[in-house]
Amino acid sequence: MSQNDHRSGPFEALFGANGWGDMCATASTIICTISDGSEALGVARGNAVVRFGGDKGREIAIAAGDVAILPAGTGHHMLSPAF
């Protein structure tokens, strides 16, 4: 998350307090799977529809303030960003 965006601050604090380092910010439409560890995804601004669970997974609308905790190996793909 960008330290220049004050909206990401609460996520940086929450994730840091839980030892969830290596934070990054993205508005990507690529498919991502983290195979070697769990992942926390926080929405600092905007909204989107994300498919969780790979090609046959479930499409879920997410918005600012939402957090998703993904077990290792969970694919996720942003289908329609609207920032």
PDB file of N, CA and C in Angstrom:
ATOM      1  N   MET A   1       0.841  -1.176   0.000  1.00  0.00           N
ATOM      2  CA  MET A   1       0.000   0.000   0.000  1.00  0.00           C
ATOM      3  C   MET A   1       0.885   1.238   0.000  1.00  0.00           C
ATOM      4  N   SER A   2       0.407   2.247  -0.604  1.00  0.00           N
ATOM      5  CA  SER A   2       1.186   3.464  -0.700  1.00  0.00           C
ATOM      6  C   SER A   2       1.100   4.267   0.587  1.00  0.00           C
ATOM      7  N   GLN A   3       2.247   4.633   1.099  1.00  0.00           N
ATOM      8  CA  GLN A   3       2.243   5.460   2.304  1.00  0.00           C
ATOM      9  C   GLN A   3       1.791   6.872   1.996  1.00  0.00           C
ATOM     10  N   ASN A   4       1.726   7.241   0.713  1.00  0.00           N
ATOM     11  CA  ASN A   4       1.271   8.572   0.322  1.00  0.00           C
ATOM     12  C   ASN A   4      -0.243   8.672   0.284  1.00  0.00           C
ATOM     13  N   ASP A   5      -0.940   7.580   0.381  1.00  0.00           N
ATOM     14  CA  ASP A   5      -2.399   7.567   0.333  1.00  0.00           C
ATOM     15  C   ASP A   5      -2.922   7.342   1.749  1.00  0.00           C
ATOM     16  N   HIS A   6      -3.468   8.375   2.395  1.00  0.00           N
ATOM     17  CA  HIS A   6      -3.909   8.272   3.782  1.00  0.00           C
ATOM     18  C   HIS A   6      -4.987   7.212   3.988  1.00  0.00           C
ATOM     19  N   ARG A   7      -5.718   6.849   2.928  1.00  0.00           N
ATOM     20  CA  ARG A   7      -6.759   5.834   3.058  1.00  0.00           C
ATOM     21  C   ARG A   7      -6.180   4.447   3.294  1.00  0.00           C
ATOM     22  N   SER A   8      -4.930   4.217   2.921  1.00  0.00           N
ATOM     23  CA  SER A   8      -4.315   2.911   3.131  1.00  0.00           C
ATOM     24  C   SER A   8      -3.739   2.776   4.537  1.00  0.00           C
ATOM     25  N   GLY A   9      -3.634   3.871   5.276  1.00  0.00           N
ATOM     26  CA  GLY A   9      -3.041   3.857   6.608  1.00  0.00           C
ATOM     27  C   GLY A   9      -3.645   2.842   7.565  1.00  0.00           C
ATOM     28  N   PRO A  10      -4.975   2.759   7.682  1.00  0.00           N
ATOM     29  CA  PRO A  10      -5.561   1.763   8.589  1.00  0.00           C
ATOM     30  C   PRO A  10      -5.185   0.326   8.217  1.00  0.00           C
ATOM     31  N   PHE A  11      -5.092   0.034   6.920  1.00  0.00           N
ATOM     32  CA  PHE A  11      -4.696  -1.307   6.506  1.00  0.00           C
ATOM     33  C   PHE A  11      -3.236  -1.565   6.836  1.00  0.00           C
ATOM     34  N   GLU A  12      -2.380  -0.575   6.603  1.00  0.00           N
ATOM     35  CA  GLU A  12      -0.967  -0.732   6.925  1.00  0.00           C
ATOM     36  C   GLU A  12      -0.798  -0.998   8.419  1.00  0.00           C
ATOM     37  N   ALA A  13      -1.554  -0.279   9.258  1.00  0.00           N
ATOM     38  CA  ALA A  13      -1.472  -0.475  10.705  1.00  0.00           C
ATOM     39  C   ALA A  13      -1.974  -1.863  11.106  1.00  0.00           C
ATOM     40  N   LEU A  14      -3.130  -2.269  10.580  1.00  0.00           N
ATOM     41  CA  LEU A  14      -3.703  -3.574  10.908  1.00  0.00           C
ATOM     42  C   LEU A  14      -2.798  -4.701  10.446  1.00  0.00           C
ATOM     43  N   PHE A  15      -2.362  -4.638   9.193  1.00  0.00           N
ATOM     44  CA  PHE A  15      -1.535  -5.706   8.647  1.00  0.00           C
ATOM     45  C   PHE A  15      -0.188  -5.754   9.366  1.00  0.00           C
ATOM     46  N   GLY A  16       0.402  -4.582   9.630  1.00  0.00           N
ATOM     47  CA  GLY A  16       1.685  -4.534  10.338  1.00  0.00           C
ATOM     48  C   GLY A  16       1.583  -5.093  11.751  1.00  0.00           C
ATOM     49  N   ALA A  17       0.474  -4.778  12.446  1.00  0.00           N
ATOM     50  CA  ALA A  17       0.279  -5.266  13.816  1.00  0.00           C
ATOM     51  C   ALA A  17       0.163  -6.784  13.873  1.00  0.00           C
ATOM     52  N   ASN A  18      -0.258  -7.385  12.762  1.00  0.00           N
ATOM     53  CA  ASN A  18      -0.394  -8.839  12.698  1.00  0.00           C
ATOM     54  C   ASN A  18       0.827  -9.513  12.073  1.00  0.00           C
ATOM     55  N   GLY A  19       1.862  -8.724  11.774  1.00  0.00           N
ATOM     56  CA  GLY A  19       3.065  -9.281  11.189  1.00  0.00           C
ATOM     57  C   GLY A  19       2.923  -9.648   9.724  1.00  0.00           C
ATOM     58  N   TRP A  20       1.953  -9.031   9.039  1.00  0.00           N
ATOM     59  CA  TRP A  20       1.733  -9.326   7.622  1.00  0.00           C
ATOM     60  C   TRP A  20       2.489  -8.304   6.792  1.00  0.00           C
ATOM     61  N   GLY A  21       3.794  -8.487   6.655  1.00  0.00           N
ATOM     62  CA  GLY A  21       4.646  -7.547   5.942  1.00  0.00           C
ATOM     63  C   GLY A  21       4.534  -7.679   4.445  1.00  0.00           C
ATOM     64  N   ASP A  22       5.515  -7.127   3.744  1.00  0.00           N
ATOM     65  CA  ASP A  22       5.584  -7.169   2.279  1.00  0.00           C
ATOM     66  C   ASP A  22       4.308  -6.650   1.635  1.00  0.00           C
ATOM     67  N   MET A  23       3.854  -5.476   2.071  1.00  0.00           N
ATOM     68  CA  MET A  23       2.630  -4.897   1.527  1.00  0.00           C
ATOM     69  C   MET A  23       2.899  -4.269   0.166  1.00  0.00           C
ATOM     70  N   CYS A  24       1.913  -4.327  -0.689  1.00  0.00           N
ATOM     71  CA  CYS A  24       2.007  -3.677  -1.993  1.00  0.00           C
ATOM     72  C   CYS A  24       0.633  -3.156  -2.368  1.00  0.00           C
ATOM     73  N   ALA A  25       0.607  -2.191  -3.261  1.00  0.00           N
ATOM     74  CA  ALA A  25      -0.658  -1.641  -3.755  1.00  0.00           C
ATOM     75  C   ALA A  25      -0.800  -2.018  -5.220  1.00  0.00           C
ATOM     76  N   THR A  26      -2.008  -2.386  -5.605  1.00  0.00           N
ATOM     77  CA  THR A  26      -2.234  -2.744  -6.996  1.00  0.00           C
ATOM     78  C   THR A  26      -3.692  -2.528  -7.373  1.00  0.00           C
ATOM     79  N   ALA A  27      -3.896  -2.254  -8.619  1.00  0.00           N
ATOM     80  CA  ALA A  27      -5.248  -2.220  -9.182  1.00  0.00           C
ATOM     81  C   ALA A  27      -5.198  -3.078 -10.435  1.00  0.00           C
ATOM     82  N   SER A  28      -4.674  -4.249 -10.285  1.00  0.00           N
ATOM     83  CA  SER A  28      -4.370  -5.119 -11.413  1.00  0.00           C
ATOM     84  C   SER A  28      -5.544  -5.996 -11.804  1.00  0.00           C
ATOM     85  N   THR A  29      -5.583  -6.375 -13.065  1.00  0.00           N
ATOM     86  CA  THR A  29      -6.586  -7.325 -13.530  1.00  0.00           C
ATOM     87  C   THR A  29      -5.956  -8.673 -13.844  1.00  0.00           C
ATOM     88  N   ILE A  30      -4.725  -8.882 -13.409  1.00  0.00           N
ATOM     89  CA  ILE A  30      -4.090 -10.177 -13.642  1.00  0.00           C
ATOM     90  C   ILE A  30      -4.564 -11.186 -12.609  1.00  0.00           C
ATOM     91  N   ILE A  31      -4.440 -12.453 -12.954  1.00  0.00           N
ATOM     92  CA  ILE A  31      -4.779 -13.513 -12.013  1.00  0.00           C
ATOM     93  C   ILE A  31      -3.581 -13.727 -11.104  1.00  0.00           C
ATOM     94  N   CYS A  32      -3.820 -13.842  -9.819  1.00  0.00           N
ATOM     95  CA  CYS A  32      -2.738 -13.998  -8.854  1.00  0.00           C
ATOM     96  C   CYS A  32      -3.034 -15.182  -7.945  1.00  0.00           C
ATOM     97  N   THR A  33      -2.032 -16.029  -7.750  1.00  0.00           N
ATOM     98  CA  THR A  33      -2.124 -17.115  -6.782  1.00  0.00           C
ATOM     99  C   THR A  33      -0.859 -17.105  -5.955  1.00  0.00           C
ATOM    100  N   ILE A  34      -0.997 -17.080  -4.656  1.00  0.00           N
ATOM    101  CA  ILE A  34       0.151 -17.140  -3.755  1.00  0.00           C
ATOM    102  C   ILE A  34       0.236 -18.570  -3.249  1.00  0.00           C
ATOM    103  N   SER A  35       1.232 -19.311  -3.694  1.00  0.00           N
ATOM    104  CA  SER A  35       1.277 -20.739  -3.394  1.00  0.00           C
ATOM    105  C   SER A  35       1.977 -21.066  -2.081  1.00  0.00           C
ATOM    106  N   ASP A  36       2.803 -20.152  -1.568  1.00  0.00           N
ATOM    107  CA  ASP A  36       3.607 -20.501  -0.407  1.00  0.00           C
ATOM    108  C   ASP A  36       3.207 -19.792   0.878  1.00  0.00           C
ATOM    109  N   GLY A  37       2.069 -19.145   0.894  1.00  0.00           N
ATOM    110  CA  GLY A  37       1.635 -18.478   2.114  1.00  0.00           C
ATOM    111  C   GLY A  37       0.271 -17.844   1.941  1.00  0.00           C
ATOM    112  N   SER A  38      -0.357 -17.553   3.045  1.00  0.00           N
ATOM    113  CA  SER A  38      -1.662 -16.887   3.010  1.00  0.00           C
ATOM    114  C   SER A  38      -1.485 -15.439   2.589  1.00  0.00           C
ATOM    115  N   GLU A  39      -2.580 -14.813   2.211  1.00  0.00           N
ATOM    116  CA  GLU A  39      -2.525 -13.431   1.753  1.00  0.00           C
ATOM    117  C   GLU A  39      -3.692 -12.660   2.347  1.00  0.00           C
ATOM    118  N   ALA A  40      -3.428 -11.407   2.735  1.00  0.00           N
ATOM    119  CA  ALA A  40      -4.473 -10.502   3.194  1.00  0.00           C
ATOM    120  C   ALA A  40      -4.631  -9.425   2.131  1.00  0.00           C
ATOM    121  N   LEU A  41      -5.864  -9.208   1.686  1.00  0.00           N
ATOM    122  CA  LEU A  41      -6.156  -8.226   0.662  1.00  0.00           C
ATOM    123  C   LEU A  41      -7.083  -7.185   1.277  1.00  0.00           C
ATOM    124  N   GLY A  42      -6.643  -5.927   1.330  1.00  0.00           N
ATOM    125  CA  GLY A  42      -7.457  -4.855   1.882  1.00  0.00           C
ATOM    126  C   GLY A  42      -7.807  -3.846   0.805  1.00  0.00           C
ATOM    127  N   VAL A  43      -9.044  -3.359   0.815  1.00  0.00           N
ATOM    128  CA  VAL A  43      -9.500  -2.394  -0.181  1.00  0.00           C
ATOM    129  C   VAL A  43      -9.490  -1.011   0.470  1.00  0.00           C
ATOM    130  N   ALA A  44      -8.520  -0.187   0.084  1.00  0.00           N
ATOM    131  CA  ALA A  44      -8.373   1.136   0.675  1.00  0.00           C
ATOM    132  C   ALA A  44      -9.320   2.155   0.039  1.00  0.00           C
ATOM    133  N   ARG A  45      -9.632   1.979  -1.258  1.00  0.00           N
ATOM    134  CA  ARG A  45     -10.536   2.916  -1.935  1.00  0.00           C
ATOM    135  C   ARG A  45     -11.176   2.224  -3.124  1.00  0.00           C
ATOM    136  N   GLY A  46     -12.302   2.722  -3.544  1.00  0.00           N
ATOM    137  CA  GLY A  46     -12.980   2.200  -4.712  1.00  0.00           C
ATOM    138  C   GLY A  46     -13.709   0.898  -4.449  1.00  0.00           C
ATOM    139  N   ASN A  47     -13.985   0.189  -5.532  1.00  0.00           N
ATOM    140  CA  ASN A  47     -14.688  -1.085  -5.438  1.00  0.00           C
ATOM    141  C   ASN A  47     -14.363  -1.907  -6.672  1.00  0.00           C
ATOM    142  N   ALA A  48     -14.671  -3.175  -6.626  1.00  0.00           N
ATOM    143  CA  ALA A  48     -14.383  -4.073  -7.742  1.00  0.00           C
ATOM    144  C   ALA A  48     -15.164  -5.362  -7.559  1.00  0.00           C
ATOM    145  N   VAL A  49     -15.167  -6.162  -8.601  1.00  0.00           N
ATOM    146  CA  VAL A  49     -15.658  -7.527  -8.513  1.00  0.00           C
ATOM    147  C   VAL A  49     -14.427  -8.414  -8.672  1.00  0.00           C
ATOM    148  N   VAL A  50     -14.231  -9.334  -7.733  1.00  0.00           N
ATOM    149  CA  VAL A  50     -13.073 -10.220  -7.747  1.00  0.00           C
ATOM    150  C   VAL A  50     -13.564 -11.659  -7.760  1.00  0.00           C
ATOM    151  N   ARG A  51     -12.935 -12.482  -8.587  1.00  0.00           N
ATOM    152  CA  ARG A  51     -13.231 -13.918  -8.559  1.00  0.00           C
ATOM    153  C   ARG A  51     -12.198 -14.560  -7.637  1.00  0.00           C
ATOM    154  N   PHE A  52     -12.675 -15.147  -6.556  1.00  0.00           N
ATOM    155  CA  PHE A  52     -11.822 -15.856  -5.611  1.00  0.00           C
ATOM    156  C   PHE A  52     -11.952 -17.354  -5.860  1.00  0.00           C
ATOM    157  N   GLY A  53     -10.829 -18.066  -5.909  1.00  0.00           N
ATOM    158  CA  GLY A  53     -10.869 -19.517  -6.040  1.00  0.00           C
ATOM    159  C   GLY A  53     -10.563 -20.047  -7.425  1.00  0.00           C
ATOM    160  N   GLY A  54      -9.920 -19.254  -8.262  1.00  0.00           N
ATOM    161  CA  GLY A  54      -9.538 -19.739  -9.585  1.00  0.00           C
ATOM    162  C   GLY A  54     -10.626 -19.563 -10.620  1.00  0.00           C
ATOM    163  N   ASP A  55     -10.424 -20.170 -11.786  1.00  0.00           N
ATOM    164  CA  ASP A  55     -11.328 -19.995 -12.928  1.00  0.00           C
ATOM    165  C   ASP A  55     -12.784 -20.338 -12.630  1.00  0.00           C
ATOM    166  N   LYS A  56     -13.009 -21.295 -11.762  1.00  0.00           N
ATOM    167  CA  LYS A  56     -14.377 -21.709 -11.442  1.00  0.00           C
ATOM    168  C   LYS A  56     -14.805 -21.214 -10.064  1.00  0.00           C
ATOM    169  N   GLY A  57     -14.100 -20.200  -9.572  1.00  0.00           N
ATOM    170  CA  GLY A  57     -14.382 -19.675  -8.244  1.00  0.00           C
ATOM    171  C   GLY A  57     -15.606 -18.785  -8.192  1.00  0.00           C
ATOM    172  N   ARG A  58     -15.777 -18.145  -7.071  1.00  0.00           N
ATOM    173  CA  ARG A  58     -16.952 -17.313  -6.811  1.00  0.00           C
ATOM    174  C   ARG A  58     -16.620 -15.842  -7.035  1.00  0.00           C
ATOM    175  N   GLU A  59     -17.492 -15.131  -7.734  1.00  0.00           N
ATOM    176  CA  GLU A  59     -17.324 -13.697  -7.967  1.00  0.00           C
ATOM    177  C   GLU A  59     -17.976 -12.928  -6.824  1.00  0.00           C
ATOM    178  N   ILE A  60     -17.193 -12.025  -6.222  1.00  0.00           N
ATOM    179  CA  ILE A  60     -17.665 -11.282  -5.052  1.00  0.00           C
ATOM    180  C   ILE A  60     -17.360  -9.801  -5.248  1.00  0.00           C
ATOM    181  N   ALA A  61     -18.343  -8.950  -4.985  1.00  0.00           N
ATOM    182  CA  ALA A  61     -18.146  -7.499  -5.018  1.00  0.00           C
ATOM    183  C   ALA A  61     -17.459  -7.080  -3.731  1.00  0.00           C
ATOM    184  N   ILE A  62     -16.380  -6.304  -3.861  1.00  0.00           N
ATOM    185  CA  ILE A  62     -15.668  -5.784  -2.701  1.00  0.00           C
ATOM    186  C   ILE A  62     -15.610  -4.266  -2.826  1.00  0.00           C
ATOM    187  N   ALA A  63     -15.476  -3.587  -1.671  1.00  0.00           N
ATOM    188  CA  ALA A  63     -15.463  -2.126  -1.663  1.00  0.00           C
ATOM    189  C   ALA A  63     -14.553  -1.632  -0.554  1.00  0.00           C
ATOM    190  N   ALA A  64     -14.302  -0.335  -0.585  1.00  0.00           N
ATOM    191  CA  ALA A  64     -13.432   0.292   0.407  1.00  0.00           C
ATOM    192  C   ALA A  64     -13.812  -0.156   1.817  1.00  0.00           C
ATOM    193  N   GLY A  65     -12.811  -0.573   2.584  1.00  0.00           N
ATOM    194  CA  GLY A  65     -13.020  -1.033   3.954  1.00  0.00           C
ATOM    195  C   GLY A  65     -13.056  -2.539   4.077  1.00  0.00           C
ATOM    196  N   ASP A  66     -13.227  -3.255   2.959  1.00  0.00           N
ATOM    197  CA  ASP A  66     -13.282  -4.717   3.005  1.00  0.00           C
ATOM    198  C   ASP A  66     -11.882  -5.308   3.127  1.00  0.00           C
ATOM    199  N   VAL A  67     -11.805  -6.466   3.799  1.00  0.00           N
ATOM    200  CA  VAL A  67     -10.569  -7.237   3.915  1.00  0.00           C
ATOM    201  C   VAL A  67     -10.896  -8.682   3.589  1.00  0.00           C
ATOM    202  N   ALA A  68     -10.059  -9.303   2.767  1.00  0.00           N
ATOM    203  CA  ALA A  68     -10.194 -10.732   2.454  1.00  0.00           C
ATOM    204  C   ALA A  68      -8.918 -11.430   2.916  1.00  0.00           C
ATOM    205  N   ILE A  69      -9.072 -12.510   3.661  1.00  0.00           N
ATOM    206  CA  ILE A  69      -7.933 -13.322   4.092  1.00  0.00           C
ATOM    207  C   ILE A  69      -7.970 -14.589   3.238  1.00  0.00           C
ATOM    208  N   LEU A  70      -6.929 -14.797   2.451  1.00  0.00           N
ATOM    209  CA  LEU A  70      -6.903 -15.889   1.482  1.00  0.00           C
ATOM    210  C   LEU A  70      -5.895 -16.948   1.895  1.00  0.00           C
ATOM    211  N   PRO A  71      -6.322 -18.185   2.038  1.00  0.00           N
ATOM    212  CA  PRO A  71      -5.390 -19.271   2.335  1.00  0.00           C
ATOM    213  C   PRO A  71      -4.409 -19.463   1.169  1.00  0.00           C
ATOM    214  N   ALA A  72      -3.250 -20.017   1.466  1.00  0.00           N
ATOM    215  CA  ALA A  72      -2.253 -20.290   0.432  1.00  0.00           C
ATOM    216  C   ALA A  72      -2.889 -21.073  -0.709  1.00  0.00           C
ATOM    217  N   GLY A  73      -2.561 -20.689  -1.924  1.00  0.00           N
ATOM    218  CA  GLY A  73      -3.064 -21.388  -3.097  1.00  0.00           C
ATOM    219  C   GLY A  73      -4.394 -20.898  -3.610  1.00  0.00           C
ATOM    220  N   THR A  74      -4.975 -19.868  -2.981  1.00  0.00           N
ATOM    221  CA  THR A  74      -6.257 -19.332  -3.427  1.00  0.00           C
ATOM    222  C   THR A  74      -6.026 -18.336  -4.555  1.00  0.00           C
ATOM    223  N   GLY A  75      -6.501 -18.660  -5.733  1.00  0.00           N
ATOM    224  CA  GLY A  75      -6.378 -17.730  -6.851  1.00  0.00           C
ATOM    225  C   GLY A  75      -7.366 -16.597  -6.692  1.00  0.00           C
ATOM    226  N   HIS A  76      -6.994 -15.423  -7.183  1.00  0.00           N
ATOM    227  CA  HIS A  76      -7.910 -14.296  -7.194  1.00  0.00           C
ATOM    228  C   HIS A  76      -7.638 -13.445  -8.432  1.00  0.00           C
ATOM    229  N   HIS A  77      -8.730 -12.943  -9.019  1.00  0.00           N
ATOM    230  CA  HIS A  77      -8.648 -12.228 -10.284  1.00  0.00           C
ATOM    231  C   HIS A  77      -9.635 -11.063 -10.239  1.00  0.00           C
ATOM    232  N   MET A  78      -9.108  -9.838 -10.349  1.00  0.00           N
ATOM    233  CA  MET A  78      -9.986  -8.676 -10.366  1.00  0.00           C
ATOM    234  C   MET A  78     -10.656  -8.599 -11.740  1.00  0.00           C
ATOM    235  N   LEU A  79     -11.976  -8.670 -11.755  1.00  0.00           N
ATOM    236  CA  LEU A  79     -12.724  -8.700 -13.006  1.00  0.00           C
ATOM    237  C   LEU A  79     -13.156  -7.318 -13.474  1.00  0.00           C
ATOM    238  N   SER A  80     -13.551  -6.463 -12.536  1.00  0.00           N
ATOM    239  CA  SER A  80     -14.052  -5.154 -12.941  1.00  0.00           C
ATOM    240  C   SER A  80     -13.708  -4.094 -11.896  1.00  0.00           C
ATOM    241  N   PRO A  81     -12.528  -3.511 -11.999  1.00  0.00           N
ATOM    242  CA  PRO A  81     -12.200  -2.431 -11.073  1.00  0.00           C
ATOM    243  C   PRO A  81     -13.025  -1.189 -11.396  1.00  0.00           C
ATOM    244  N   ALA A  82     -13.358  -0.439 -10.382  1.00  0.00           N
ATOM    245  CA  ALA A  82     -14.097   0.808 -10.563  1.00  0.00           C
ATOM    246  C   ALA A  82     -13.597   1.793  -9.527  1.00  0.00           C
ATOM    247  N   PHE A  83     -12.421   2.358  -9.790  1.00  0.00           N
ATOM    248  CA  PHE A  83     -11.798   3.263  -8.818  1.00  0.00           C
ATOM    249  C   PHE A  83     -12.032   4.697  -9.164  1.00  0.00           C
TER     250      PHE A  83
END
